mmCIF file of all heavy atoms, coordinates in Angstrom:
data_MODEL
# 
_entry.id   MODEL 
# 
loop_
_atom_site.group_PDB 
_atom_site.id 
_atom_site.type_symbol 
_atom_site.label_atom_id 
_atom_site.label_alt_id 
_atom_site.label_comp_id 
_atom_site.label_asym_id 
_atom_site.label_entity_id 
_atom_site.label_seq_id 
_atom_site.pdbx_PDB_ins_code 
_atom_site.Cartn_x 
_atom_site.Cartn_y 
_atom_site.Cartn_z 
_atom_site.occupancy 
_atom_site.B_iso_or_equiv 
_atom_site.pdbx_formal_charge 
_atom_site.auth_seq_id 
_atom_site.auth_comp_id 
_atom_site.auth_asym_id 
_atom_site.auth_atom_id 
_atom_site.pdbx_PDB_model_num 
ATOM 1   N N   . MET A 1 1  ? 7.443   60.642 18.179 1.00 0.00 ? 1  MET A N   1 
ATOM 2   C CA  . MET A 1 1  ? 6.540   60.866 19.303 1.00 0.00 ? 1  MET A CA  1 
ATOM 3   C C   . MET A 1 1  ? 5.101   60.930 18.820 1.00 0.00 ? 1  MET A C   1 
ATOM 4   O O   . MET A 1 1  ? 4.812   61.498 17.760 1.00 0.00 ? 1  MET A O   1 
ATOM 5   C CB  . MET A 1 1  ? 6.910   62.168 20.029 1.00 0.00 ? 1  MET A CB  1 
ATOM 6   C CG  . MET A 1 1  ? 6.113   62.417 21.299 1.00 0.00 ? 1  MET A CG  1 
ATOM 7   S SD  . MET A 1 1  ? 6.763   63.827 22.241 1.00 0.00 ? 1  MET A SD  1 
ATOM 8   C CE  . MET A 1 1  ? 5.873   63.589 23.782 1.00 0.00 ? 1  MET A CE  1 
ATOM 9   N N   . LEU A 1 2  ? 4.193   60.340 19.617 1.00 0.00 ? 2  LEU A N   1 
ATOM 10  C CA  . LEU A 1 2  ? 2.758   60.362 19.324 1.00 0.00 ? 2  LEU A CA  1 
ATOM 11  C C   . LEU A 1 2  ? 2.040   61.009 20.507 1.00 0.00 ? 2  LEU A C   1 
ATOM 12  O O   . LEU A 1 2  ? 2.326   60.680 21.659 1.00 0.00 ? 2  LEU A O   1 
ATOM 13  C CB  . LEU A 1 2  ? 2.207   58.941 19.129 1.00 0.00 ? 2  LEU A CB  1 
ATOM 14  C CG  . LEU A 1 2  ? 2.962   58.015 18.165 1.00 0.00 ? 2  LEU A CG  1 
ATOM 15  C CD1 . LEU A 1 2  ? 2.355   56.614 18.202 1.00 0.00 ? 2  LEU A CD1 1 
ATOM 16  C CD2 . LEU A 1 2  ? 2.930   58.568 16.749 1.00 0.00 ? 2  LEU A CD2 1 
ATOM 17  N N   . ILE A 1 3  ? 1.118   61.922 20.219 1.00 0.00 ? 3  ILE A N   1 
ATOM 18  C CA  . ILE A 1 3  ? 0.385   62.598 21.287 1.00 0.00 ? 3  ILE A CA  1 
ATOM 19  C C   . ILE A 1 3  ? -1.110  62.340 21.114 1.00 0.00 ? 3  ILE A C   1 
ATOM 20  O O   . ILE A 1 3  ? -1.678  62.597 20.053 1.00 0.00 ? 3  ILE A O   1 
ATOM 21  C CB  . ILE A 1 3  ? 0.678   64.112 21.285 1.00 0.00 ? 3  ILE A CB  1 
ATOM 22  C CG1 . ILE A 1 3  ? 2.164   64.341 21.586 1.00 0.00 ? 3  ILE A CG1 1 
ATOM 23  C CG2 . ILE A 1 3  ? -0.183  64.828 22.319 1.00 0.00 ? 3  ILE A CG2 1 
ATOM 24  C CD1 . ILE A 1 3  ? 2.576   65.789 21.587 1.00 0.00 ? 3  ILE A CD1 1 
ATOM 25  N N   . PHE A 1 4  ? -1.729  61.846 22.194 1.00 0.00 ? 4  PHE A N   1 
ATOM 26  C CA  . PHE A 1 4  ? -3.141  61.464 22.153 1.00 0.00 ? 4  PHE A CA  1 
ATOM 27  C C   . PHE A 1 4  ? -3.971  62.298 23.133 1.00 0.00 ? 4  PHE A C   1 
ATOM 28  O O   . PHE A 1 4  ? -3.483  62.715 24.174 1.00 0.00 ? 4  PHE A O   1 
ATOM 29  C CB  . PHE A 1 4  ? -3.293  59.978 22.500 1.00 0.00 ? 4  PHE A CB  1 
ATOM 30  C CG  . PHE A 1 4  ? -2.657  59.058 21.499 1.00 0.00 ? 4  PHE A CG  1 
ATOM 31  C CD1 . PHE A 1 4  ? -1.377  58.563 21.698 1.00 0.00 ? 4  PHE A CD1 1 
ATOM 32  C CD2 . PHE A 1 4  ? -3.338  58.698 20.345 1.00 0.00 ? 4  PHE A CD2 1 
ATOM 33  C CE1 . PHE A 1 4  ? -0.788  57.728 20.775 1.00 0.00 ? 4  PHE A CE1 1 
ATOM 34  C CE2 . PHE A 1 4  ? -2.759  57.859 19.412 1.00 0.00 ? 4  PHE A CE2 1 
ATOM 35  C CZ  . PHE A 1 4  ? -1.475  57.371 19.625 1.00 0.00 ? 4  PHE A CZ  1 
ATOM 36  N N   . PHE A 1 5  ? -5.252  62.469 22.775 1.00 0.00 ? 5  PHE A N   1 
ATOM 37  C CA  . PHE A 1 5  ? -6.148  63.297 23.580 1.00 0.00 ? 5  PHE A CA  1 
ATOM 38  C C   . PHE A 1 5  ? -7.410  62.555 24.007 1.00 0.00 ? 5  PHE A C   1 
ATOM 39  O O   . PHE A 1 5  ? -8.264  63.130 24.687 1.00 0.00 ? 5  PHE A O   1 
ATOM 40  C CB  . PHE A 1 5  ? -6.529  64.562 22.805 1.00 0.00 ? 5  PHE A CB  1 
ATOM 41  C CG  . PHE A 1 5  ? -5.349  65.453 22.510 1.00 0.00 ? 5  PHE A CG  1 
ATOM 42  C CD1 . PHE A 1 5  ? -4.560  65.235 21.399 1.00 0.00 ? 5  PHE A CD1 1 
ATOM 43  C CD2 . PHE A 1 5  ? -5.011  66.490 23.373 1.00 0.00 ? 5  PHE A CD2 1 
ATOM 44  C CE1 . PHE A 1 5  ? -3.451  66.031 21.133 1.00 0.00 ? 5  PHE A CE1 1 
ATOM 45  C CE2 . PHE A 1 5  ? -3.908  67.300 23.116 1.00 0.00 ? 5  PHE A CE2 1 
ATOM 46  C CZ  . PHE A 1 5  ? -3.130  67.068 22.004 1.00 0.00 ? 5  PHE A CZ  1 
ATOM 47  N N   . SER A 1 6  ? -7.551  61.294 23.614 1.00 0.00 ? 6  SER A N   1 
ATOM 48  C CA  . SER A 1 6  ? -8.723  60.523 24.022 1.00 0.00 ? 6  SER A CA  1 
ATOM 49  C C   . SER A 1 6  ? -8.412  59.034 23.942 1.00 0.00 ? 6  SER A C   1 
ATOM 50  O O   . SER A 1 6  ? -7.549  58.607 23.160 1.00 0.00 ? 6  SER A O   1 
ATOM 51  C CB  . SER A 1 6  ? -9.924  60.830 23.113 1.00 0.00 ? 6  SER A CB  1 
ATOM 52  O OG  . SER A 1 6  ? -9.732  60.234 21.841 1.00 0.00 ? 6  SER A OG  1 
ATOM 53  N N   . PRO A 1 7  ? -9.114  58.214 24.738 1.00 0.00 ? 7  PRO A N   1 
ATOM 54  C CA  . PRO A 1 7  ? -8.941  56.764 24.640 1.00 0.00 ? 7  PRO A CA  1 
ATOM 55  C C   . PRO A 1 7  ? -9.237  56.232 23.238 1.00 0.00 ? 7  PRO A C   1 
ATOM 56  O O   . PRO A 1 7  ? -8.642  55.248 22.798 1.00 0.00 ? 7  PRO A O   1 
ATOM 57  C CB  . PRO A 1 7  ? -9.953  56.228 25.661 1.00 0.00 ? 7  PRO A CB  1 
ATOM 58  C CG  . PRO A 1 7  ? -10.093 57.329 26.661 1.00 0.00 ? 7  PRO A CG  1 
ATOM 59  C CD  . PRO A 1 7  ? -10.009 58.597 25.855 1.00 0.00 ? 7  PRO A CD  1 
ATOM 60  N N   . ALA A 1 8  ? -10.165 56.900 22.527 1.00 0.00 ? 8  ALA A N   1 
ATOM 61  C CA  . ALA A 1 8  ? -10.502 56.455 21.164 1.00 0.00 ? 8  ALA A CA  1 
ATOM 62  C C   . ALA A 1 8  ? -9.283  56.529 20.243 1.00 0.00 ? 8  ALA A C   1 
ATOM 63  O O   . ALA A 1 8  ? -9.148  55.738 19.306 1.00 0.00 ? 8  ALA A O   1 
ATOM 64  C CB  . ALA A 1 8  ? -11.640 57.303 20.603 1.00 0.00 ? 8  ALA A CB  1 
ATOM 65  N N   . GLY A 1 9  ? -8.397  57.493 20.506 1.00 0.00 ? 9  GLY A N   1 
ATOM 66  C CA  . GLY A 1 9  ? -7.183  57.606 19.708 1.00 0.00 ? 9  GLY A CA  1 
ATOM 67  C C   . GLY A 1 9  ? -6.273  56.404 19.898 1.00 0.00 ? 9  GLY A C   1 
ATOM 68  O O   . GLY A 1 9  ? -5.662  55.912 18.934 1.00 0.00 ? 9  GLY A O   1 
ATOM 69  N N   . ILE A 1 10 ? -6.179  55.903 21.123 1.00 0.00 ? 10 ILE A N   1 
ATOM 70  C CA  . ILE A 1 10 ? -5.371  54.712 21.407 1.00 0.00 ? 10 ILE A CA  1 
ATOM 71  C C   . ILE A 1 10 ? -5.976  53.495 20.709 1.00 0.00 ? 10 ILE A C   1 
ATOM 72  O O   . ILE A 1 10 ? -5.266  52.675 20.120 1.00 0.00 ? 10 ILE A O   1 
ATOM 73  C CB  . ILE A 1 10 ? -5.292  54.459 22.930 1.00 0.00 ? 10 ILE A CB  1 
ATOM 74  C CG1 . ILE A 1 10 ? -4.800  55.716 23.664 1.00 0.00 ? 10 ILE A CG1 1 
ATOM 75  C CG2 . ILE A 1 10 ? -4.387  53.270 23.231 1.00 0.00 ? 10 ILE A CG2 1 
ATOM 76  C CD1 . ILE A 1 10 ? -3.427  56.183 23.265 1.00 0.00 ? 10 ILE A CD1 1 
ATOM 77  N N   . GLN A 1 11 ? -7.303  53.392 20.757 1.00 0.00 ? 11 GLN A N   1 
ATOM 78  C CA  . GLN A 1 11 ? -7.984  52.279 20.076 1.00 0.00 ? 11 GLN A CA  1 
ATOM 79  C C   . GLN A 1 11 ? -7.719  52.325 18.574 1.00 0.00 ? 11 GLN A C   1 
ATOM 80  O O   . GLN A 1 11 ? -7.505  51.286 17.931 1.00 0.00 ? 11 GLN A O   1 
ATOM 81  C CB  . GLN A 1 11 ? -9.491  52.349 20.355 1.00 0.00 ? 11 GLN A CB  1 
ATOM 82  C CG  . GLN A 1 11 ? -9.859  52.115 21.813 1.00 0.00 ? 11 GLN A CG  1 
ATOM 83  C CD  . GLN A 1 11 ? -11.301 52.503 22.124 1.00 0.00 ? 11 GLN A CD  1 
ATOM 84  O OE1 . GLN A 1 11 ? -12.098 52.757 21.221 1.00 0.00 ? 11 GLN A OE1 1 
ATOM 85  N NE2 . GLN A 1 11 ? -11.628 52.572 23.410 1.00 0.00 ? 11 GLN A NE2 1 
ATOM 86  N N   . ALA A 1 12 ? -7.722  53.552 18.013 1.00 0.00 ? 12 ALA A N   1 
ATOM 87  C CA  . ALA A 1 12 ? -7.474  53.694 16.575 1.00 0.00 ? 12 ALA A CA  1 
ATOM 88  C C   . ALA A 1 12 ? -6.040  53.318 16.215 1.00 0.00 ? 12 ALA A C   1 
ATOM 89  O O   . ALA A 1 12 ? -5.789  52.745 15.153 1.00 0.00 ? 12 ALA A O   1 
ATOM 90  C CB  . ALA A 1 12 ? -7.765  55.128 16.135 1.00 0.00 ? 12 ALA A CB  1 
ATOM 91  N N   . LEU A 1 13 ? -5.089  53.639 17.103 1.00 0.00 ? 13 LEU A N   1 
ATOM 92  C CA  . LEU A 1 13 ? -3.699  53.240 16.872 1.00 0.00 ? 13 LEU A CA  1 
ATOM 93  C C   . LEU A 1 13 ? -3.596  51.721 16.778 1.00 0.00 ? 13 LEU A C   1 
ATOM 94  O O   . LEU A 1 13 ? -2.963  51.179 15.860 1.00 0.00 ? 13 LEU A O   1 
ATOM 95  C CB  . LEU A 1 13 ? -2.813  53.754 18.013 1.00 0.00 ? 13 LEU A CB  1 
ATOM 96  C CG  . LEU A 1 13 ? -1.356  53.261 18.025 1.00 0.00 ? 13 LEU A CG  1 
ATOM 97  C CD1 . LEU A 1 13 ? -0.568  53.857 16.867 1.00 0.00 ? 13 LEU A CD1 1 
ATOM 98  C CD2 . LEU A 1 13 ? -0.679  53.583 19.354 1.00 0.00 ? 13 LEU A CD2 1 
ATOM 99  N N   . LYS A 1 14 ? -4.225  51.036 17.709 1.00 0.00 ? 14 LYS A N   1 
ATOM 100 C CA  . LYS A 1 14 ? -4.199  49.577 17.725 1.00 0.00 ? 14 LYS A CA  1 
ATOM 101 C C   . LYS A 1 14 ? -4.907  48.977 16.503 1.00 0.00 ? 14 LYS A C   1 
ATOM 102 O O   . LYS A 1 14 ? -4.500  47.949 15.978 1.00 0.00 ? 14 LYS A O   1 
ATOM 103 C CB  . LYS A 1 14 ? -4.858  49.063 19.020 1.00 0.00 ? 14 LYS A CB  1 
ATOM 104 C CG  . LYS A 1 14 ? -4.036  49.320 20.275 1.00 0.00 ? 14 LYS A CG  1 
ATOM 105 C CD  . LYS A 1 14 ? -2.801  48.428 20.294 1.00 0.00 ? 14 LYS A CD  1 
ATOM 106 C CE  . LYS A 1 14 ? -2.101  48.453 21.638 1.00 0.00 ? 14 LYS A CE  1 
ATOM 107 N NZ  . LYS A 1 14 ? -0.923  47.548 21.653 1.00 0.00 ? 14 LYS A NZ  1 
ATOM 108 N N   . LYS A 1 15 ? -5.984  49.638 16.081 1.00 0.00 ? 15 LYS A N   1 
ATOM 109 C CA  . LYS A 1 15 ? -6.722  49.147 14.912 1.00 0.00 ? 15 LYS A CA  1 
ATOM 110 C C   . LYS A 1 15 ? -5.899  49.294 13.639 1.00 0.00 ? 15 LYS A C   1 
ATOM 111 O O   . LYS A 1 15 ? -5.838  48.393 12.795 1.00 0.00 ? 15 LYS A O   1 
ATOM 112 C CB  . LYS A 1 15 ? -8.040  49.918 14.766 1.00 0.00 ? 15 LYS A CB  1 
ATOM 113 C CG  . LYS A 1 15 ? -8.873  49.537 13.538 1.00 0.00 ? 15 LYS A CG  1 
ATOM 114 C CD  . LYS A 1 15 ? -10.172 50.321 13.502 1.00 0.00 ? 15 LYS A CD  1 
ATOM 115 C CE  . LYS A 1 15 ? -11.028 49.944 12.290 1.00 0.00 ? 15 LYS A CE  1 
ATOM 116 N NZ  . LYS A 1 15 ? -10.479 50.425 11.009 1.00 0.00 ? 15 LYS A NZ  1 
ATOM 117 N N   . ASN A 1 16 ? -5.244  50.464 13.492 1.00 0.00 ? 16 ASN A N   1 
ATOM 118 C CA  . ASN A 1 16 ? -4.454  50.725 12.297 1.00 0.00 ? 16 ASN A CA  1 
ATOM 119 C C   . ASN A 1 16 ? -3.154  49.933 12.266 1.00 0.00 ? 16 ASN A C   1 
ATOM 120 O O   . ASN A 1 16 ? -2.687  49.531 11.200 1.00 0.00 ? 16 ASN A O   1 
ATOM 121 C CB  . ASN A 1 16 ? -4.141  52.224 12.197 1.00 0.00 ? 16 ASN A CB  1 
ATOM 122 C CG  . ASN A 1 16 ? -5.283  53.024 11.593 1.00 0.00 ? 16 ASN A CG  1 
ATOM 123 O OD1 . ASN A 1 16 ? -5.385  53.153 10.381 1.00 0.00 ? 16 ASN A OD1 1 
ATOM 124 N ND2 . ASN A 1 16 ? -6.148  53.554 12.441 1.00 0.00 ? 16 ASN A ND2 1 
ATOM 125 N N   . PHE A 1 17 ? -2.573  49.751 13.454 1.00 0.00 ? 17 PHE A N   1 
ATOM 126 C CA  . PHE A 1 17 ? -1.278  49.078 13.535 1.00 0.00 ? 17 PHE A CA  1 
ATOM 127 C C   . PHE A 1 17 ? -1.336  47.993 14.613 1.00 0.00 ? 17 PHE A C   1 
ATOM 128 O O   . PHE A 1 17 ? -0.811  48.166 15.714 1.00 0.00 ? 17 PHE A O   1 
ATOM 129 C CB  . PHE A 1 17 ? -0.169  50.097 13.852 1.00 0.00 ? 17 PHE A CB  1 
ATOM 130 C CG  . PHE A 1 17 ? -0.136  51.267 12.910 1.00 0.00 ? 17 PHE A CG  1 
ATOM 131 C CD1 . PHE A 1 17 ? -0.669  52.491 13.283 1.00 0.00 ? 17 PHE A CD1 1 
ATOM 132 C CD2 . PHE A 1 17 ? 0.401   51.147 11.626 1.00 0.00 ? 17 PHE A CD2 1 
ATOM 133 C CE1 . PHE A 1 17 ? -0.658  53.572 12.414 1.00 0.00 ? 17 PHE A CE1 1 
ATOM 134 C CE2 . PHE A 1 17 ? 0.412   52.221 10.754 1.00 0.00 ? 17 PHE A CE2 1 
ATOM 135 C CZ  . PHE A 1 17 ? -0.114  53.429 11.144 1.00 0.00 ? 17 PHE A CZ  1 
ATOM 136 N N   . PRO A 1 18 ? -1.998  46.858 14.297 1.00 0.00 ? 18 PRO A N   1 
ATOM 137 C CA  . PRO A 1 18 ? -2.176  45.803 15.308 1.00 0.00 ? 18 PRO A CA  1 
ATOM 138 C C   . PRO A 1 18 ? -0.848  45.239 15.828 1.00 0.00 ? 18 PRO A C   1 
ATOM 139 O O   . PRO A 1 18 ? -0.798  44.703 16.934 1.00 0.00 ? 18 PRO A O   1 
ATOM 140 C CB  . PRO A 1 18 ? -2.992  44.733 14.569 1.00 0.00 ? 18 PRO A CB  1 
ATOM 141 C CG  . PRO A 1 18 ? -2.877  45.068 13.117 1.00 0.00 ? 18 PRO A CG  1 
ATOM 142 C CD  . PRO A 1 18 ? -2.666  46.530 13.028 1.00 0.00 ? 18 PRO A CD  1 
ATOM 143 N N   . ASP A 1 19 ? 0.214   45.355 15.027 1.00 0.00 ? 19 ASP A N   1 
ATOM 144 C CA  . ASP A 1 19 ? 1.525   44.850 15.456 1.00 0.00 ? 19 ASP A CA  1 
ATOM 145 C C   . ASP A 1 19 ? 2.439   45.969 15.940 1.00 0.00 ? 19 ASP A C   1 
ATOM 146 O O   . ASP A 1 19 ? 3.668   45.831 15.951 1.00 0.00 ? 19 ASP A O   1 
ATOM 147 C CB  . ASP A 1 19 ? 2.201   44.099 14.297 1.00 0.00 ? 19 ASP A CB  1 
ATOM 148 C CG  . ASP A 1 19 ? 1.371   42.909 13.817 1.00 0.00 ? 19 ASP A CG  1 
ATOM 149 O OD1 . ASP A 1 19 ? 0.794   42.217 14.678 1.00 0.00 ? 19 ASP A OD1 1 
ATOM 150 O OD2 . ASP A 1 19 ? 1.287   42.694 12.594 1.00 0.00 ? 19 ASP A OD2 1 
ATOM 151 N N   . PHE A 1 20 ? 1.842   47.084 16.337 1.00 0.00 ? 20 PHE A N   1 
ATOM 152 C CA  . PHE A 1 20 ? 2.630   48.248 16.751 1.00 0.00 ? 20 PHE A CA  1 
ATOM 153 C C   . PHE A 1 20 ? 3.578   47.911 17.900 1.00 0.00 ? 20 PHE A C   1 
ATOM 154 O O   . PHE A 1 20 ? 3.181   47.335 18.904 1.00 0.00 ? 20 PHE A O   1 
ATOM 155 C CB  . PHE A 1 20 ? 1.691   49.373 17.186 1.00 0.00 ? 20 PHE A CB  1 
ATOM 156 C CG  . PHE A 1 20 ? 2.403   50.591 17.732 1.00 0.00 ? 20 PHE A CG  1 
ATOM 157 C CD1 . PHE A 1 20 ? 3.033   51.487 16.881 1.00 0.00 ? 20 PHE A CD1 1 
ATOM 158 C CD2 . PHE A 1 20 ? 2.447   50.830 19.106 1.00 0.00 ? 20 PHE A CD2 1 
ATOM 159 C CE1 . PHE A 1 20 ? 3.686   52.612 17.384 1.00 0.00 ? 20 PHE A CE1 1 
ATOM 160 C CE2 . PHE A 1 20 ? 3.097   51.958 19.620 1.00 0.00 ? 20 PHE A CE2 1 
ATOM 161 C CZ  . PHE A 1 20 ? 3.718   52.841 18.746 1.00 0.00 ? 20 PHE A CZ  1 
ATOM 162 N N   . GLU A 1 21 ? 4.845   48.253 17.717 1.00 0.00 ? 21 GLU A N   1 
ATOM 163 C CA  . GLU A 1 21 ? 5.843   48.104 18.770 1.00 0.00 ? 21 GLU A CA  1 
ATOM 164 C C   . GLU A 1 21 ? 6.391   49.490 19.092 1.00 0.00 ? 21 GLU A C   1 
ATOM 165 O O   . GLU A 1 21 ? 6.909   50.179 18.217 1.00 0.00 ? 21 GLU A O   1 
ATOM 166 C CB  . GLU A 1 21 ? 6.964   47.167 18.312 1.00 0.00 ? 21 GLU A CB  1 
ATOM 167 C CG  . GLU A 1 21 ? 6.510   45.726 18.137 1.00 0.00 ? 21 GLU A CG  1 
ATOM 168 C CD  . GLU A 1 21 ? 7.663   44.795 17.781 1.00 0.00 ? 21 GLU A CD  1 
ATOM 169 O OE1 . GLU A 1 21 ? 8.827   45.190 17.987 1.00 0.00 ? 21 GLU A OE1 1 
ATOM 170 O OE2 . GLU A 1 21 ? 7.397   43.684 17.304 1.00 0.00 ? 21 GLU A OE2 1 
ATOM 171 N N   . GLN A 1 22 ? 6.300   49.878 20.336 1.00 0.00 ? 22 GLN A N   1 
ATOM 172 C CA  . GLN A 1 22 ? 6.649   51.242 20.717 1.00 0.00 ? 22 GLN A CA  1 
ATOM 173 C C   . GLN A 1 22 ? 8.149   51.527 20.631 1.00 0.00 ? 22 GLN A C   1 
ATOM 174 O O   . GLN A 1 22 ? 8.566   52.555 20.101 1.00 0.00 ? 22 GLN A O   1 
ATOM 175 C CB  . GLN A 1 22 ? 6.152   51.535 22.136 1.00 0.00 ? 22 GLN A CB  1 
ATOM 176 C CG  . GLN A 1 22 ? 6.385   52.980 22.557 1.00 0.00 ? 22 GLN A CG  1 
ATOM 177 C CD  . GLN A 1 22 ? 5.760   53.299 23.899 1.00 0.00 ? 22 GLN A CD  1 
ATOM 178 O OE1 . GLN A 1 22 ? 5.101   52.458 24.512 1.00 0.00 ? 22 GLN A OE1 1 
ATOM 179 N NE2 . GLN A 1 22 ? 5.949   54.517 24.363 1.00 0.00 ? 22 GLN A NE2 1 
ATOM 180 N N   . ARG A 1 23 ? 8.943   50.642 21.175 1.00 0.00 ? 23 ARG A N   1 
ATOM 181 C CA  . ARG A 1 23 ? 10.398  50.808 21.193 1.00 0.00 ? 23 ARG A CA  1 
ATOM 182 C C   . ARG A 1 23 ? 10.797  52.214 21.663 1.00 0.00 ? 23 ARG A C   1 
ATOM 183 O O   . ARG A 1 23 ? 10.498  52.607 22.771 1.00 0.00 ? 23 ARG A O   1 
ATOM 184 C CB  . ARG A 1 23 ? 10.981  50.470 19.817 1.00 0.00 ? 23 ARG A CB  1 
ATOM 185 C CG  . ARG A 1 23 ? 10.787  48.999 19.459 1.00 0.00 ? 23 ARG A CG  1 
ATOM 186 C CD  . ARG A 1 23 ? 11.269  48.653 18.079 1.00 0.00 ? 23 ARG A CD  1 
ATOM 187 N NE  . ARG A 1 23 ? 11.055  47.247 17.783 1.00 0.00 ? 23 ARG A NE  1 
ATOM 188 C CZ  . ARG A 1 23 ? 11.108  46.724 16.580 1.00 0.00 ? 23 ARG A CZ  1 
ATOM 189 N NH1 . ARG A 1 23 ? 11.374  47.496 15.530 1.00 0.00 ? 23 ARG A NH1 1 
ATOM 190 N NH2 . ARG A 1 23 ? 10.902  45.435 16.406 1.00 0.00 ? 23 ARG A NH2 1 
ATOM 191 N N   . GLU A 1 24 ? 11.440  52.995 20.791 1.00 0.00 ? 24 GLU A N   1 
ATOM 192 C CA  . GLU A 1 24 ? 11.930  54.317 21.192 1.00 0.00 ? 24 GLU A CA  1 
ATOM 193 C C   . GLU A 1 24 ? 10.923  55.443 20.916 1.00 0.00 ? 24 GLU A C   1 
ATOM 194 O O   . GLU A 1 24 ? 11.238  56.617 21.119 1.00 0.00 ? 24 GLU A O   1 
ATOM 195 C CB  . GLU A 1 24 ? 13.249  54.634 20.468 1.00 0.00 ? 24 GLU A CB  1 
ATOM 196 C CG  . GLU A 1 24 ? 14.407  53.757 20.889 1.00 0.00 ? 24 GLU A CG  1 
ATOM 197 C CD  . GLU A 1 24 ? 14.659  53.835 22.404 1.00 0.00 ? 24 GLU A CD  1 
ATOM 198 O OE1 . GLU A 1 24 ? 14.821  54.961 22.906 1.00 0.00 ? 24 GLU A OE1 1 
ATOM 199 O OE2 . GLU A 1 24 ? 14.685  52.780 23.047 1.00 0.00 ? 24 GLU A OE2 1 
ATOM 200 N N   . ILE A 1 25 ? 9.727   55.090 20.435 1.00 0.00 ? 25 ILE A N   1 
ATOM 201 C CA  . ILE A 1 25 ? 8.717   56.116 20.159 1.00 0.00 ? 25 ILE A CA  1 
ATOM 202 C C   . ILE A 1 25 ? 8.132   56.615 21.477 1.00 0.00 ? 25 ILE A C   1 
ATOM 203 O O   . ILE A 1 25 ? 7.636   55.826 22.287 1.00 0.00 ? 25 ILE A O   1 
ATOM 204 C CB  . ILE A 1 25 ? 7.591   55.573 19.264 1.00 0.00 ? 25 ILE A CB  1 
ATOM 205 C CG1 . ILE A 1 25 ? 8.148   55.118 17.913 1.00 0.00 ? 25 ILE A CG1 1 
ATOM 206 C CG2 . ILE A 1 25 ? 6.503   56.628 19.060 1.00 0.00 ? 25 ILE A CG2 1 
ATOM 207 C CD1 . ILE A 1 25 ? 7.129   54.417 17.036 1.00 0.00 ? 25 ILE A CD1 1 
ATOM 208 N N   . ALA A 1 26 ? 8.211   57.913 21.712 1.00 0.00 ? 26 ALA A N   1 
ATOM 209 C CA  . ALA A 1 26 ? 7.637   58.496 22.927 1.00 0.00 ? 26 ALA A CA  1 
ATOM 210 C C   . ALA A 1 26 ? 6.127   58.666 22.745 1.00 0.00 ? 26 ALA A C   1 
ATOM 211 O O   . ALA A 1 26 ? 5.649   58.953 21.641 1.00 0.00 ? 26 ALA A O   1 
ATOM 212 C CB  . ALA A 1 26 ? 8.284   59.845 23.226 1.00 0.00 ? 26 ALA A CB  1 
# 
């Protein structure tokens, strides 16, 4: 599970893991 508190956190996720696939990750 990943918990975010700002849109910048989502942008950082995409930057760090451009091929991120959520699958079963909450």
